[in-house]
Amino acid sequence: MNGIIYIAFKDSFIKEALLSAESLKRFCDIPITLFTDRHIDSEYIDDIKIIKPEHTRSKVDYISESPYEKTLYLDSDTVI
C-alpha cells in the first residue's frame, strides 16, 4: 500500500500539517499518517504515530518508520 507521511510537532507545525492534509484529501484519497508528539483528532489523518522528537529535524529519525510500501513524505507547509 502507498501512503503519505507528515512528521510534525509543536502547535504551529501540527496546524500546518493538518491544513496540508486537508488540501491533499481534496484531490486524492490516499492514506495519511502523521508522526507527532500528541494525539490529534482530524478527519484528514488516517493514522497517528506518537513520537518523542529529540531535535528539530526529527524527520530523519522517523521517515524509515513509514507503515507504507511506497511513501511520499510531505513537509508540513506543503499545500496541494
PDB file of N, CA and C in Angstrom:
ATOM      1  N   MET A   1       0.848  -1.173   0.000  1.00  0.00           N
ATOM      2  CA  MET A   1       0.000   0.000   0.000  1.00  0.00           C
ATOM      3  C   MET A   1       0.900   1.245   0.000  1.00  0.00           C
ATOM      4  N   ASN A   2       0.478   2.260  -0.732  1.00  0.00           N
ATOM      5  CA  ASN A   2       1.178   3.536  -0.791  1.00  0.00           C
ATOM      6  C   ASN A   2       0.538   4.521   0.169  1.00  0.00           C
ATOM      7  N   GLY A   3       1.300   5.505   0.624  1.00  0.00           N
ATOM      8  CA  GLY A   3       0.733   6.497   1.529  1.00  0.00           C
ATOM      9  C   GLY A   3       1.630   7.703   1.689  1.00  0.00           C
ATOM     10  N   ILE A   4       1.094   8.682   2.388  1.00  0.00           N
ATOM     11  CA  ILE A   4       1.759   9.948   2.661  1.00  0.00           C
ATOM     12  C   ILE A   4       2.070  10.003   4.154  1.00  0.00           C
ATOM     13  N   ILE A   5       3.244  10.534   4.500  1.00  0.00           N
ATOM     14  CA  ILE A   5       3.523  10.783   5.912  1.00  0.00           C
ATOM     15  C   ILE A   5       3.910  12.242   6.118  1.00  0.00           C
ATOM     16  N   TYR A   6       3.530  12.726   7.282  1.00  0.00           N
ATOM     17  CA  TYR A   6       3.964  14.008   7.806  1.00  0.00           C
ATOM     18  C   TYR A   6       4.644  13.733   9.130  1.00  0.00           C
ATOM     19  N   ILE A   7       5.645  14.525   9.450  1.00  0.00           N
ATOM     20  CA  ILE A   7       6.276  14.459  10.763  1.00  0.00           C
ATOM     21  C   ILE A   7       6.227  15.876  11.305  1.00  0.00           C
ATOM     22  N   ALA A   8       5.352  16.084  12.283  1.00  0.00           N
ATOM     23  CA  ALA A   8       5.129  17.440  12.782  1.00  0.00           C
ATOM     24  C   ALA A   8       4.870  17.416  14.282  1.00  0.00           C
ATOM     25  N   PHE A   9       5.514  18.326  14.968  1.00  0.00           N
ATOM     26  CA  PHE A   9       5.268  18.515  16.393  1.00  0.00           C
ATOM     27  C   PHE A   9       5.380  19.997  16.692  1.00  0.00           C
ATOM     28  N   LYS A  10       4.911  20.389  17.834  1.00  0.00           N
ATOM     29  CA  LYS A  10       4.710  21.789  18.233  1.00  0.00           C
ATOM     30  C   LYS A  10       3.469  22.303  17.496  1.00  0.00           C
ATOM     31  N   ASP A  11       2.718  23.127  18.177  1.00  0.00           N
ATOM     32  CA  ASP A  11       1.414  23.568  17.683  1.00  0.00           C
ATOM     33  C   ASP A  11       1.426  24.119  16.263  1.00  0.00           C
ATOM     34  N   SER A  12       2.359  24.999  15.965  1.00  0.00           N
ATOM     35  CA  SER A  12       2.350  25.643  14.643  1.00  0.00           C
ATOM     36  C   SER A  12       2.588  24.640  13.513  1.00  0.00           C
ATOM     37  N   PHE A  13       3.492  23.682  13.714  1.00  0.00           N
ATOM     38  CA  PHE A  13       3.770  22.695  12.672  1.00  0.00           C
ATOM     39  C   PHE A  13       2.639  21.681  12.529  1.00  0.00           C
ATOM     40  N   ILE A  14       2.010  21.327  13.635  1.00  0.00           N
ATOM     41  CA  ILE A  14       0.858  20.421  13.573  1.00  0.00           C
ATOM     42  C   ILE A  14      -0.275  21.087  12.811  1.00  0.00           C
ATOM     43  N   LYS A  15      -0.530  22.357  13.095  1.00  0.00           N
ATOM     44  CA  LYS A  15      -1.580  23.093  12.394  1.00  0.00           C
ATOM     45  C   LYS A  15      -1.296  23.119  10.887  1.00  0.00           C
ATOM     46  N   GLU A  16      -0.054  23.390  10.515  1.00  0.00           N
ATOM     47  CA  GLU A  16       0.324  23.377   9.096  1.00  0.00           C
ATOM     48  C   GLU A  16       0.086  22.006   8.473  1.00  0.00           C
ATOM     49  N   ALA A  17       0.484  20.955   9.165  1.00  0.00           N
ATOM     50  CA  ALA A  17       0.322  19.597   8.629  1.00  0.00           C
ATOM     51  C   ALA A  17      -1.151  19.256   8.421  1.00  0.00           C
ATOM     52  N   LEU A  18      -2.004  19.674   9.329  1.00  0.00           N
ATOM     53  CA  LEU A  18      -3.434  19.409   9.185  1.00  0.00           C
ATOM     54  C   LEU A  18      -4.018  20.167   7.999  1.00  0.00           C
ATOM     55  N   LEU A  19      -3.585  21.401   7.786  1.00  0.00           N
ATOM     56  CA  LEU A  19      -4.038  22.159   6.612  1.00  0.00           C
ATOM     57  C   LEU A  19      -3.535  21.513   5.327  1.00  0.00           C
ATOM     58  N   SER A  20      -2.310  21.030   5.348  1.00  0.00           N
ATOM     59  CA  SER A  20      -1.752  20.349   4.185  1.00  0.00           C
ATOM     60  C   SER A  20      -2.520  19.066   3.880  1.00  0.00           C
ATOM     61  N   ALA A  21      -2.796  18.276   4.911  1.00  0.00           N
ATOM     62  CA  ALA A  21      -3.550  17.035   4.726  1.00  0.00           C
ATOM     63  C   ALA A  21      -4.945  17.318   4.170  1.00  0.00           C
ATOM     64  N   GLU A  22      -5.568  18.373   4.662  1.00  0.00           N
ATOM     65  CA  GLU A  22      -6.890  18.753   4.147  1.00  0.00           C
ATOM     66  C   GLU A  22      -6.800  19.093   2.655  1.00  0.00           C
ATOM     67  N   SER A  23      -5.791  19.845   2.266  1.00  0.00           N
ATOM     68  CA  SER A  23      -5.653  20.210   0.853  1.00  0.00           C
ATOM     69  C   SER A  23      -5.368  18.975  -0.001  1.00  0.00           C
ATOM     70  N   LEU A  24      -4.619  18.033   0.521  1.00  0.00           N
ATOM     71  CA  LEU A  24      -4.320  16.802  -0.204  1.00  0.00           C
ATOM     72  C   LEU A  24      -5.574  15.960  -0.421  1.00  0.00           C
ATOM     73  N   LYS A  25      -6.369  15.805   0.621  1.00  0.00           N
ATOM     74  CA  LYS A  25      -7.568  14.962   0.537  1.00  0.00           C
ATOM     75  C   LYS A  25      -8.610  15.527  -0.429  1.00  0.00           C
ATOM     76  N   ARG A  26      -8.521  16.810  -0.761  1.00  0.00           N
ATOM     77  CA  ARG A  26      -9.436  17.380  -1.757  1.00  0.00           C
ATOM     78  C   ARG A  26      -9.214  16.768  -3.127  1.00  0.00           C
ATOM     79  N   PHE A  27      -7.987  16.308  -3.385  1.00  0.00           N
ATOM     80  CA  PHE A  27      -7.627  15.837  -4.717  1.00  0.00           C
ATOM     81  C   PHE A  27      -7.417  14.336  -4.830  1.00  0.00           C
ATOM     82  N   CYS A  28      -7.119  13.678  -3.733  1.00  0.00           N
ATOM     83  CA  CYS A  28      -6.937  12.227  -3.814  1.00  0.00           C
ATOM     84  C   CYS A  28      -7.206  11.586  -2.456  1.00  0.00           C
ATOM     85  N   ASP A  29      -7.648  10.364  -2.534  1.00  0.00           N
ATOM     86  CA  ASP A  29      -7.948   9.616  -1.313  1.00  0.00           C
ATOM     87  C   ASP A  29      -6.828   8.606  -1.073  1.00  0.00           C
ATOM     88  N   ILE A  30      -5.755   9.084  -0.510  1.00  0.00           N
ATOM     89  CA  ILE A  30      -4.600   8.248  -0.212  1.00  0.00           C
ATOM     90  C   ILE A  30      -4.396   8.272   1.312  1.00  0.00           C
ATOM     91  N   PRO A  31      -3.999   7.164   1.898  1.00  0.00           N
ATOM     92  CA  PRO A  31      -3.807   7.142   3.352  1.00  0.00           C
ATOM     93  C   PRO A  31      -2.726   8.128   3.807  1.00  0.00           C
ATOM     94  N   ILE A  32      -2.999   8.792   4.923  1.00  0.00           N
ATOM     95  CA  ILE A  32      -2.064   9.753   5.501  1.00  0.00           C
ATOM     96  C   ILE A  32      -1.779   9.352   6.944  1.00  0.00           C
ATOM     97  N   THR A  33      -0.499   9.271   7.266  1.00  0.00           N
ATOM     98  CA  THR A  33      -0.058   9.025   8.639  1.00  0.00           C
ATOM     99  C   THR A  33       0.682  10.262   9.134  1.00  0.00           C
ATOM    100  N   LEU A  34       0.345  10.694  10.327  1.00  0.00           N
ATOM    101  CA  LEU A  34       1.016  11.825  10.967  1.00  0.00           C
ATOM    102  C   LEU A  34       1.831  11.308  12.143  1.00  0.00           C
ATOM    103  N   PHE A  35       3.131  11.546  12.106  1.00  0.00           N
ATOM    104  CA  PHE A  35       4.010  11.280  13.234  1.00  0.00           C
ATOM    105  C   PHE A  35       4.056  12.569  14.042  1.00  0.00           C
ATOM    106  N   THR A  36       3.635  12.504  15.290  1.00  0.00           N
ATOM    107  CA  THR A  36       3.530  13.717  16.099  1.00  0.00           C
ATOM    108  C   THR A  36       3.726  13.394  17.578  1.00  0.00           C
ATOM    109  N   ASP A  37       3.835  14.438  18.370  1.00  0.00           N
ATOM    110  CA  ASP A  37       4.115  14.242  19.799  1.00  0.00           C
ATOM    111  C   ASP A  37       2.869  14.215  20.675  1.00  0.00           C
ATOM    112  N   ARG A  38       1.682  14.232  20.060  1.00  0.00           N
ATOM    113  CA  ARG A  38       0.434  14.185  20.838  1.00  0.00           C
ATOM    114  C   ARG A  38      -0.689  13.607  19.992  1.00  0.00           C
ATOM    115  N   HIS A  39      -1.765  13.202  20.650  1.00  0.00           N
ATOM    116  CA  HIS A  39      -2.913  12.679  19.917  1.00  0.00           C
ATOM    117  C   HIS A  39      -3.642  13.831  19.230  1.00  0.00           C
ATOM    118  N   ILE A  40      -4.013  13.622  17.989  1.00  0.00           N
ATOM    119  CA  ILE A  40      -4.693  14.630  17.183  1.00  0.00           C
ATOM    120  C   ILE A  40      -5.966  14.005  16.616  1.00  0.00           C
ATOM    121  N   ASP A  41      -7.071  14.720  16.681  1.00  0.00           N
ATOM    122  CA  ASP A  41      -8.301  14.292  16.025  1.00  0.00           C
ATOM    123  C   ASP A  41      -8.463  15.089  14.743  1.00  0.00           C
ATOM    124  N   SER A  42      -8.467  14.400  13.620  1.00  0.00           N
ATOM    125  CA  SER A  42      -8.649  15.064  12.338  1.00  0.00           C
ATOM    126  C   SER A  42      -9.271  14.089  11.359  1.00  0.00           C
ATOM    127  N   GLU A  43     -10.244  14.555  10.618  1.00  0.00           N
ATOM    128  CA  GLU A  43     -10.871  13.708   9.603  1.00  0.00           C
ATOM    129  C   GLU A  43      -9.947  13.486   8.416  1.00  0.00           C
ATOM    130  N   TYR A  44      -8.842  14.224   8.331  1.00  0.00           N
ATOM    131  CA  TYR A  44      -7.935  14.127   7.191  1.00  0.00           C
ATOM    132  C   TYR A  44      -6.735  13.228   7.449  1.00  0.00           C
ATOM    133  N   ILE A  45      -6.540  12.838   8.691  1.00  0.00           N
ATOM    134  CA  ILE A  45      -5.425  11.972   9.066  1.00  0.00           C
ATOM    135  C   ILE A  45      -5.978  10.575   9.326  1.00  0.00           C
ATOM    136  N   ASP A  46      -5.383   9.579   8.661  1.00  0.00           N
ATOM    137  CA  ASP A  46      -5.867   8.204   8.798  1.00  0.00           C
ATOM    138  C   ASP A  46      -5.202   7.440   9.934  1.00  0.00           C
ATOM    139  N   ASP A  47      -3.992   7.848  10.289  1.00  0.00           N
ATOM    140  CA  ASP A  47      -3.266   7.136  11.344  1.00  0.00           C
ATOM    141  C   ASP A  47      -2.335   8.118  12.047  1.00  0.00           C
ATOM    142  N   ILE A  48      -2.212   7.957  13.343  1.00  0.00           N
ATOM    143  CA  ILE A  48      -1.322   8.785  14.160  1.00  0.00           C
ATOM    144  C   ILE A  48      -0.260   7.879  14.779  1.00  0.00           C
ATOM    145  N   LYS A  49       0.980   8.291  14.681  1.00  0.00           N
ATOM    146  CA  LYS A  49       2.072   7.604  15.367  1.00  0.00           C
ATOM    147  C   LYS A  49       2.673   8.614  16.346  1.00  0.00           C
ATOM    148  N   ILE A  50       2.621   8.283  17.628  1.00  0.00           N
ATOM    149  CA  ILE A  50       3.157   9.164  18.656  1.00  0.00           C
ATOM    150  C   ILE A  50       4.678   8.986  18.719  1.00  0.00           C
ATOM    151  N   ILE A  51       5.377  10.121  18.658  1.00  0.00           N
ATOM    152  CA  ILE A  51       6.838  10.105  18.688  1.00  0.00           C
ATOM    153  C   ILE A  51       7.344  10.989  19.828  1.00  0.00           C
ATOM    154  N   LYS A  52       8.601  10.821  20.130  1.00  0.00           N
ATOM    155  CA  LYS A  52       9.271  11.674  21.115  1.00  0.00           C
ATOM    156  C   LYS A  52      10.444  12.343  20.400  1.00  0.00           C
ATOM    157  N   PRO A  53      10.171  13.455  19.732  1.00  0.00           N
ATOM    158  CA  PRO A  53      11.244  14.117  18.973  1.00  0.00           C
ATOM    159  C   PRO A  53      12.358  14.613  19.894  1.00  0.00           C
ATOM    160  N   GLU A  54      13.571  14.384  19.466  1.00  0.00           N
ATOM    161  CA  GLU A  54      14.718  14.777  20.286  1.00  0.00           C
ATOM    162  C   GLU A  54      15.439  15.999  19.741  1.00  0.00           C
ATOM    163  N   HIS A  55      15.071  16.424  18.528  1.00  0.00           N
ATOM    164  CA  HIS A  55      15.676  17.616  17.941  1.00  0.00           C
ATOM    165  C   HIS A  55      14.749  18.152  16.856  1.00  0.00           C
ATOM    166  N   THR A  56      15.041  19.324  16.342  1.00  0.00           N
ATOM    167  CA  THR A  56      14.136  19.989  15.394  1.00  0.00           C
ATOM    168  C   THR A  56      14.021  19.257  14.061  1.00  0.00           C
ATOM    169  N   ARG A  57      15.002  18.553  13.660  1.00  0.00           N
ATOM    170  CA  ARG A  57      14.984  17.830  12.380  1.00  0.00           C
ATOM    171  C   ARG A  57      14.691  16.344  12.595  1.00  0.00           C
ATOM    172  N   SER A  58      13.692  16.046  13.387  1.00  0.00           N
ATOM    173  CA  SER A  58      13.374  14.655  13.734  1.00  0.00           C
ATOM    174  C   SER A  58      12.873  13.835  12.557  1.00  0.00           C
ATOM    175  N   LYS A  59      12.581  14.486  11.431  1.00  0.00           N
ATOM    176  CA  LYS A  59      12.097  13.707  10.289  1.00  0.00           C
ATOM    177  C   LYS A  59      13.123  12.653   9.877  1.00  0.00           C
ATOM    178  N   VAL A  60      14.388  12.931  10.023  1.00  0.00           N
ATOM    179  CA  VAL A  60      15.395  11.940   9.657  1.00  0.00           C
ATOM    180  C   VAL A  60      15.329  10.701  10.552  1.00  0.00           C
ATOM    181  N   ASP A  61      14.787  10.870  11.742  1.00  0.00           N
ATOM    182  CA  ASP A  61      14.677   9.746  12.673  1.00  0.00           C
ATOM    183  C   ASP A  61      13.456   8.868  12.408  1.00  0.00           C
ATOM    184  N   TYR A  62      12.439   9.416  11.739  1.00  0.00           N
ATOM    185  CA  TYR A  62      11.166   8.696  11.649  1.00  0.00           C
ATOM    186  C   TYR A  62      10.713   8.346  10.236  1.00  0.00           C
ATOM    187  N   ILE A  63      11.325   8.883   9.213  1.00  0.00           N
ATOM    188  CA  ILE A  63      10.905   8.563   7.845  1.00  0.00           C
ATOM    189  C   ILE A  63      10.953   7.060   7.603  1.00  0.00           C
ATOM    190  N   SER A  64      11.958   6.409   8.119  1.00  0.00           N
ATOM    191  CA  SER A  64      12.094   4.960   7.911  1.00  0.00           C
ATOM    192  C   SER A  64      11.013   4.157   8.639  1.00  0.00           C
ATOM    193  N   GLU A  65      10.252   4.786   9.510  1.00  0.00           N
ATOM    194  CA  GLU A  65       9.179   4.118  10.251  1.00  0.00           C
ATOM    195  C   GLU A  65       7.846   4.124   9.502  1.00  0.00           C
ATOM    196  N   SER A  66       7.852   4.579   8.266  1.00  0.00           N
ATOM    197  CA  SER A  66       6.619   4.641   7.486  1.00  0.00           C
ATOM    198  C   SER A  66       5.937   3.277   7.427  1.00  0.00           C
ATOM    199  N   PRO A  67       4.612   3.252   7.578  1.00  0.00           N
ATOM    200  CA  PRO A  67       3.887   1.984   7.506  1.00  0.00           C
ATOM    201  C   PRO A  67       3.576   1.561   6.063  1.00  0.00           C
ATOM    202  N   TYR A  68       4.037   2.326   5.088  1.00  0.00           N
ATOM    203  CA  TYR A  68       3.677   2.085   3.690  1.00  0.00           C
ATOM    204  C   TYR A  68       4.825   1.460   2.904  1.00  0.00           C
ATOM    205  N   GLU A  69       4.455   0.678   1.875  1.00  0.00           N
ATOM    206  CA  GLU A  69       5.450   0.108   0.972  1.00  0.00           C
ATOM    207  C   GLU A  69       6.175   1.209   0.215  1.00  0.00           C
ATOM    208  N   LYS A  70       5.383   2.125  -0.329  1.00  0.00           N
ATOM    209  CA  LYS A  70       5.916   3.305  -1.008  1.00  0.00           C
ATOM    210  C   LYS A  70       5.375   4.528  -0.284  1.00  0.00           C
ATOM    211  N   THR A  71       6.277   5.448   0.049  1.00  0.00           N
ATOM    212  CA  THR A  71       5.930   6.587   0.896  1.00  0.00           C
ATOM    213  C   THR A  71       6.315   7.889   0.228  1.00  0.00           C
ATOM    214  N   LEU A  72       5.419   8.861   0.340  1.00  0.00           N
ATOM    215  CA  LEU A  72       5.752  10.232  -0.012  1.00  0.00           C
ATOM    216  C   LEU A  72       5.747  11.022   1.284  1.00  0.00           C
ATOM    217  N   TYR A  73       6.893  11.604   1.626  1.00  0.00           N
ATOM    218  CA  TYR A  73       6.984  12.467   2.798  1.00  0.00           C
ATOM    219  C   TYR A  73       6.690  13.886   2.343  1.00  0.00           C
ATOM    220  N   LEU A  74       5.788  14.576   3.043  1.00  0.00           N
ATOM    221  CA  LEU A  74       5.497  15.974   2.748  1.00  0.00           C
ATOM    222  C   LEU A  74       5.847  16.834   3.961  1.00  0.00           C
ATOM    223  N   ASP A  75       6.490  17.961   3.704  1.00  0.00           N
ATOM    224  CA  ASP A  75       6.708  18.935   4.775  1.00  0.00           C
ATOM    225  C   ASP A  75       5.358  19.494   5.209  1.00  0.00           C
ATOM    226  N   SER A  76       5.276  19.922   6.432  1.00  0.00           N
ATOM    227  CA  SER A  76       4.005  20.378   6.985  1.00  0.00           C
ATOM    228  C   SER A  76       3.461  21.618   6.287  1.00  0.00           C
ATOM    229  N   ASP A  77       4.317  22.392   5.636  1.00  0.00           N
ATOM    230  CA  ASP A  77       3.839  23.628   4.988  1.00  0.00           C
ATOM    231  C   ASP A  77       3.502  23.432   3.505  1.00  0.00           C
ATOM    232  N   THR A  78       3.409  22.189   3.050  1.00  0.00           N
ATOM    233  CA  THR A  78       3.053  21.901   1.657  1.00  0.00           C
ATOM    234  C   THR A  78       1.556  22.063   1.472  1.00  0.00           C
ATOM    235  N   VAL A  79       1.164  22.815   0.455  1.00  0.00           N
ATOM    236  CA  VAL A  79      -0.252  22.950   0.113  1.00  0.00           C
ATOM    237  C   VAL A  79      -0.444  22.379  -1.278  1.00  0.00           C
ATOM    238  N   ILE A  80      -1.418  21.502  -1.402  1.00  0.00           N
ATOM    239  CA  ILE A  80      -1.678  20.848  -2.695  1.00  0.00           C
ATOM    240  C   ILE A  80      -2.691  21.675  -3.475  1.00  0.00           C
TER     241      ILE A  80
END
